[in-house]
Amino acid sequence: MKNYKIFVPIIIVGLFVLSIYMLFSQRSDTNSKYDECLLAARSLSEEEIYVDAEKKYMEALGIKESKELKLEIAEFYLKAKQEKKAIGYGESVVTDYPYEKDGYDFLMSTYLEKKDYVSCWITYDKAQKRKIKSDYLNETISSIENEFFFNCDYEDVGVYGNGLCSVKIGEYWGYVNETGDQVIDAKFKNVSAFSGNDLAAVIDIKDDCYFIDDLGNKKKSVSNIDNVKSIGFIEGDTFPVFDGKIWCFYNLDGKKIFGDFDETTSAGNGIAACMNDEKWRLYKIDGNTISDSTYESVVNDEKDIVIRNDRIFVQKDGAYLMIDGEGNSVSSNTYSSAKLFNDSTYAAVESGGKWGYVDTDGNVVIDYQFEEARSFANGFAAVKVNGAWGFIDKDNNIIVEPQFADAKDFNSKGAAFVKKDKMWKLLRLYKYNH
């Protein structure tokens, strides 16, 4: 009995030692098997025996899974020209190791090689949200920041207003949204831009004039106004009407507010420019003039608006100058031509046969250097260089090389209509459209 008590601890120790030995032995066998499969897979891959190499890689992955092995398998699939599987493994690395940069770097490299800029931006966005630090990601995204693509082809286009732009398809006009999707069928003979109250003036195929909403539904009739031949851009409930001889301003109730003029702009932002006897005056929306001054011309944009940022460009004694909404000069600078401000940034002005940019105080912020230019809108401006149009940013960096026959303004979705091969196409920056 005493001998039994002595041998029990010895047996337990022996069994423990044996289990440790067997464990290490199994691990050694597993590691050996893993190494054997991996070496075989690499060798077969080098010989381009991809089917067998894949089997060995899968055996190795079944023995021991790791980030490094998954990325190696992803690279193997790229070599074997199986991009879909390669990307799948890259995505699995990002899923399993979301806060390590390796999977993102692999995916970015793969998508860049394919010029799949949408996926490049999606990968970058994921990494940014998870605060991944990667010089490669930053350098790559910087290199493709201004890449773009086209959609849509139209014979002619208007200007964006409240997210919609008029486009001409065949003989008639309709509207598209900021990504180029048609939202109102092309069924009108003439159209205006949409205003802040989501109304646009149209003339249909029966020559009837009225206002539509942003779904194309008829909303306001002007049948209570006589001899309507054309309707201008509406501000609030005030809009200009042409009867074939003179222009007058009416409200949506059909009441005449003021007139009669040989020509007029809209009363967008509360001020209209109206002309009689070849002299232009500035009027408030109630019909009162803002001053006694007359001008040779007043700059208006494609919505027939003459004032933004409380700034107007008027021509006096052959030169253009900037005034405010009360008719006071803003600066002593004069220009040979000018474009109205689109937003609170910079307006295009011409001097000495070249175009540059000024701020709302009249300070030159980009020197006169372009053949032609449009004012800044949503961070970018269209400029003409060597007979072709491209785009710059507010630091005068070229973001789209001059290459188009014509160009419009960027909308809030990072898109702008450009004319290429005699058709208007919507240029969309991947940065904002992915």
Foldseek 3Di string as FASTA:
>chain_A
DVVVVVCVVVVVVVVVVVVVVVVVVVVVVLVVLLVVLQVVLVVCLVVVVNVSSVVSLVVNCVSPNDLVSLQVVLVSCVSNVNNVVSLVSLVVSCVVPVQECPSLLSQLVSCVVVVVVLSLLVSLVSCVVSVHDDPSSVVSCVVQQLDWDWDDWALDWADEEPQWIWTHDPQFIFIAGQVGHTQGDGFFNDKAYAYPVQWIWTQGPVRAIAIAGPNRHGDAHLVLAPQFNDWAYDDPQWTWTDNPAFIFIDGSVNHTQDDGARDKFTCPPFWIWGDDPQWIFIAGRNGHTLDPDIANDWAADSRSYADDPQWTWTHDPQWIFIDGVSGHGLDPDTANDWHYAPHQAWTWTHDPQFIFIAGNSRHTQGDGDFNDWGHADQFKIWTHDPQFIFIAGSNRHTSGPGDFNAWDYRDNQQWTWTHDPSITIIIHRSNRVD
